[in-house]
Amino acid sequence: MRARLTKAQPPATPDELVGQLVTGDGEPPVTCLPDLDKPLGQRWASLATVALEPATRTARVLDGTPADIGSRDWRVLTAG
């Protein structure tokens, strides 16, 4: 992550930052994808992506990994 963020201009929005969490082949994974060759109970996986925005007192929760952004809707929670 540090290398990615120092190579490019810093993300300007939370969405841009979350986009930096998507990794590809040959890169160390940032999220945990299940190994379907393992038995049930040992197939660890990231289940959600959470973006906290203290300035607006909101939390956005995505049902899935950062790679699922754009294919699923965020749930937005706002502190009252």
N, C-alpha and C. Protein backbone atom coordinates (compact mmCIF):
# COMPACT_ATOMS: atom_id res chain seq x y z
N MET A 1 0.82 -1.18 0.00
CA MET A 1 0.00 0.00 0.00
C MET A 1 0.87 1.25 0.00
N ARG A 2 1.90 1.24 0.81
CA ARG A 2 2.76 2.42 0.88
C ARG A 2 3.36 2.73 -0.48
N ALA A 3 3.82 1.70 -1.19
CA ALA A 3 4.41 1.91 -2.52
C ALA A 3 3.37 2.45 -3.49
N ARG A 4 2.18 1.92 -3.45
CA ARG A 4 1.12 2.41 -4.35
C ARG A 4 0.81 3.88 -4.09
N LEU A 5 0.71 4.24 -2.82
CA LEU A 5 0.32 5.60 -2.50
C LEU A 5 1.43 6.61 -2.73
N THR A 6 2.68 6.17 -2.74
CA THR A 6 3.77 7.11 -2.99
C THR A 6 4.06 7.25 -4.48
N LYS A 7 3.64 6.29 -5.31
CA LYS A 7 3.88 6.37 -6.75
C LYS A 7 2.94 7.35 -7.44
N ALA A 8 1.73 7.45 -6.97
CA ALA A 8 0.72 8.28 -7.63
C ALA A 8 0.32 9.44 -6.73
N GLN A 9 -0.50 10.31 -7.28
CA GLN A 9 -1.05 11.40 -6.49
C GLN A 9 -1.96 10.79 -5.42
N PRO A 10 -1.91 11.31 -4.22
CA PRO A 10 -2.76 10.75 -3.15
C PRO A 10 -4.23 10.75 -3.56
N PRO A 11 -4.98 9.75 -3.12
CA PRO A 11 -6.40 9.70 -3.45
C PRO A 11 -7.12 10.94 -2.91
N ALA A 12 -8.00 11.51 -3.73
CA ALA A 12 -8.71 12.72 -3.35
C ALA A 12 -10.05 12.42 -2.67
N THR A 13 -10.56 11.21 -2.88
CA THR A 13 -11.86 10.85 -2.31
C THR A 13 -11.75 9.47 -1.66
N PRO A 14 -12.69 9.15 -0.79
CA PRO A 14 -12.69 7.80 -0.21
C PRO A 14 -12.80 6.70 -1.28
N ASP A 15 -13.57 6.96 -2.34
CA ASP A 15 -13.69 5.96 -3.40
C ASP A 15 -12.35 5.70 -4.09
N GLU A 16 -11.57 6.75 -4.29
CA GLU A 16 -10.25 6.57 -4.89
C GLU A 16 -9.33 5.77 -3.97
N LEU A 17 -9.42 6.02 -2.68
CA LEU A 17 -8.60 5.28 -1.72
C LEU A 17 -8.98 3.80 -1.72
N VAL A 18 -10.28 3.51 -1.68
CA VAL A 18 -10.73 2.13 -1.68
C VAL A 18 -10.29 1.43 -2.96
N GLY A 19 -10.27 2.14 -4.07
CA GLY A 19 -9.80 1.57 -5.33
C GLY A 19 -8.35 1.11 -5.27
N GLN A 20 -7.55 1.72 -4.41
CA GLN A 20 -6.16 1.31 -4.24
C GLN A 20 -6.03 -0.04 -3.54
N LEU A 21 -7.11 -0.52 -2.96
CA LEU A 21 -7.07 -1.79 -2.23
C LEU A 21 -7.27 -3.01 -3.12
N VAL A 22 -7.56 -2.80 -4.40
CA VAL A 22 -7.75 -3.92 -5.32
C VAL A 22 -6.38 -4.36 -5.83
N THR A 23 -6.07 -5.64 -5.65
CA THR A 23 -4.79 -6.17 -6.10
C THR A 23 -5.01 -7.20 -7.19
N GLY A 24 -3.95 -7.47 -7.93
CA GLY A 24 -4.03 -8.42 -9.04
C GLY A 24 -3.02 -9.54 -8.89
N ASP A 25 -2.92 -10.35 -9.94
CA ASP A 25 -1.98 -11.47 -9.94
C ASP A 25 -0.56 -10.97 -9.71
N GLY A 26 0.17 -11.68 -8.88
CA GLY A 26 1.57 -11.33 -8.61
C GLY A 26 1.74 -10.26 -7.56
N GLU A 27 0.65 -9.71 -7.04
CA GLU A 27 0.74 -8.70 -6.00
C GLU A 27 0.32 -9.31 -4.67
N PRO A 28 0.89 -8.84 -3.58
CA PRO A 28 0.44 -9.34 -2.27
C PRO A 28 -1.03 -8.97 -2.09
N PRO A 29 -1.84 -9.89 -1.62
CA PRO A 29 -3.27 -9.57 -1.45
C PRO A 29 -3.51 -8.62 -0.28
N VAL A 30 -4.42 -7.70 -0.48
CA VAL A 30 -4.82 -6.80 0.58
C VAL A 30 -6.08 -7.35 1.25
N THR A 31 -6.89 -8.04 0.48
CA THR A 31 -8.07 -8.69 1.02
C THR A 31 -7.87 -10.19 0.97
N CYS A 32 -8.67 -10.89 1.72
CA CYS A 32 -8.54 -12.34 1.82
C CYS A 32 -9.60 -13.00 0.94
N LEU A 33 -9.16 -13.74 -0.08
CA LEU A 33 -10.05 -14.48 -0.95
C LEU A 33 -10.05 -15.95 -0.52
N PRO A 34 -11.19 -16.62 -0.56
CA PRO A 34 -11.25 -17.99 -0.07
C PRO A 34 -10.47 -18.96 -0.95
N ASP A 35 -9.79 -19.90 -0.32
CA ASP A 35 -9.11 -20.98 -1.03
C ASP A 35 -10.07 -22.17 -1.04
N LEU A 36 -10.72 -22.38 -2.18
CA LEU A 36 -11.77 -23.40 -2.27
C LEU A 36 -11.23 -24.82 -2.18
N ASP A 37 -9.90 -24.97 -2.22
CA ASP A 37 -9.31 -26.30 -2.05
C ASP A 37 -9.26 -26.72 -0.58
N LYS A 38 -9.44 -25.76 0.31
CA LYS A 38 -9.41 -26.07 1.75
C LYS A 38 -10.78 -26.53 2.22
N PRO A 39 -10.82 -27.27 3.33
CA PRO A 39 -12.12 -27.73 3.84
C PRO A 39 -12.93 -26.58 4.42
N LEU A 40 -14.24 -26.81 4.52
CA LEU A 40 -15.11 -25.81 5.14
C LEU A 40 -14.58 -25.45 6.52
N GLY A 41 -14.67 -24.20 6.88
CA GLY A 41 -14.15 -23.74 8.15
C GLY A 41 -12.74 -23.21 8.04
N GLN A 42 -12.07 -23.47 6.91
CA GLN A 42 -10.72 -22.96 6.68
C GLN A 42 -10.64 -22.13 5.40
N ARG A 43 -11.76 -21.76 4.86
CA ARG A 43 -11.82 -20.94 3.63
C ARG A 43 -12.03 -19.48 4.02
N TRP A 44 -11.01 -18.87 4.56
CA TRP A 44 -11.12 -17.50 5.06
C TRP A 44 -11.35 -16.54 3.91
N ALA A 45 -12.18 -15.55 4.15
CA ALA A 45 -12.47 -14.55 3.12
C ALA A 45 -12.85 -13.23 3.75
N SER A 46 -12.50 -12.14 3.08
CA SER A 46 -12.98 -10.82 3.49
C SER A 46 -14.46 -10.75 3.16
N LEU A 47 -15.26 -10.31 4.10
CA LEU A 47 -16.70 -10.29 3.90
C LEU A 47 -17.26 -8.89 3.64
N ALA A 48 -16.51 -7.87 4.03
CA ALA A 48 -17.02 -6.51 3.85
C ALA A 48 -15.87 -5.53 3.70
N THR A 49 -16.19 -4.42 3.05
CA THR A 49 -15.28 -3.30 2.94
C THR A 49 -15.97 -2.13 3.64
N VAL A 50 -15.24 -1.45 4.53
CA VAL A 50 -15.82 -0.37 5.31
C VAL A 50 -15.01 0.90 5.10
N ALA A 51 -15.70 1.99 4.79
CA ALA A 51 -15.06 3.29 4.66
C ALA A 51 -15.66 4.22 5.70
N LEU A 52 -14.83 4.70 6.62
CA LEU A 52 -15.29 5.62 7.67
C LEU A 52 -14.93 7.05 7.27
N GLU A 53 -15.89 7.94 7.39
CA GLU A 53 -15.67 9.34 7.04
C GLU A 53 -16.05 10.20 8.25
N PRO A 54 -15.08 10.43 9.16
CA PRO A 54 -15.37 11.17 10.40
C PRO A 54 -15.94 12.57 10.16
N ALA A 55 -15.49 13.24 9.13
CA ALA A 55 -15.95 14.62 8.89
C ALA A 55 -17.45 14.68 8.64
N THR A 56 -17.99 13.66 8.01
CA THR A 56 -19.43 13.63 7.74
C THR A 56 -20.18 12.70 8.67
N ARG A 57 -19.44 12.09 9.60
CA ARG A 57 -20.01 11.16 10.59
C ARG A 57 -20.75 10.01 9.91
N THR A 58 -20.13 9.49 8.85
CA THR A 58 -20.75 8.39 8.12
C THR A 58 -19.81 7.20 8.04
N ALA A 59 -20.42 6.05 7.88
CA ALA A 59 -19.71 4.81 7.59
C ALA A 59 -20.40 4.21 6.37
N ARG A 60 -19.61 3.83 5.40
CA ARG A 60 -20.15 3.14 4.22
C ARG A 60 -19.68 1.70 4.29
N VAL A 61 -20.60 0.78 4.09
CA VAL A 61 -20.30 -0.64 4.18
C VAL A 61 -20.69 -1.31 2.86
N LEU A 62 -19.74 -2.04 2.30
CA LEU A 62 -19.97 -2.77 1.06
C LEU A 62 -19.95 -4.26 1.38
N ASP A 63 -20.94 -4.97 0.93
CA ASP A 63 -21.01 -6.41 1.12
C ASP A 63 -20.07 -7.07 0.11
N GLY A 64 -18.78 -7.17 0.48
CA GLY A 64 -17.78 -7.76 -0.40
C GLY A 64 -16.44 -7.07 -0.26
N THR A 65 -15.53 -7.44 -1.13
CA THR A 65 -14.18 -6.87 -1.12
C THR A 65 -14.13 -5.61 -1.98
N PRO A 66 -13.03 -4.86 -1.92
CA PRO A 66 -12.91 -3.68 -2.79
C PRO A 66 -13.07 -4.01 -4.28
N ALA A 67 -12.75 -5.24 -4.66
CA ALA A 67 -12.92 -5.63 -6.07
C ALA A 67 -14.39 -5.66 -6.47
N ASP A 68 -15.30 -5.68 -5.51
CA ASP A 68 -16.73 -5.70 -5.79
C ASP A 68 -17.33 -4.31 -5.96
N ILE A 69 -16.52 -3.28 -5.79
CA ILE A 69 -17.01 -1.91 -5.95
C ILE A 69 -17.51 -1.73 -7.38
N GLY A 70 -18.66 -1.13 -7.50
CA GLY A 70 -19.26 -0.92 -8.82
C GLY A 70 -20.27 -2.00 -9.17
N SER A 71 -20.16 -3.16 -8.53
CA SER A 71 -21.12 -4.22 -8.82
C SER A 71 -22.13 -4.39 -7.69
N ARG A 72 -21.89 -3.72 -6.57
CA ARG A 72 -22.78 -3.78 -5.42
C ARG A 72 -22.94 -2.38 -4.86
N ASP A 73 -24.04 -2.17 -4.16
CA ASP A 73 -24.31 -0.86 -3.57
C ASP A 73 -23.73 -0.76 -2.16
N TRP A 74 -23.26 0.42 -1.83
CA TRP A 74 -22.80 0.71 -0.47
C TRP A 74 -24.02 0.94 0.42
N ARG A 75 -23.93 0.53 1.67
CA ARG A 75 -24.92 0.90 2.69
C ARG A 75 -24.29 2.05 3.46
N VAL A 76 -25.02 3.12 3.58
CA VAL A 76 -24.50 4.32 4.23
C VAL A 76 -25.18 4.47 5.59
N LEU A 77 -24.35 4.57 6.63
CA LEU A 77 -24.84 4.75 7.99
C LEU A 77 -24.35 6.12 8.48
N THR A 78 -25.26 6.91 9.01
CA THR A 78 -24.92 8.25 9.48
C THR A 78 -25.24 8.36 10.96
N ALA A 79 -24.27 8.86 11.71
CA ALA A 79 -24.48 9.07 13.17
C ALA A 79 -25.39 10.28 13.35
N GLY A 80 -26.34 10.16 14.22
CA GLY A 80 -27.32 11.24 14.43
C GLY A 80 -26.94 12.14 15.54
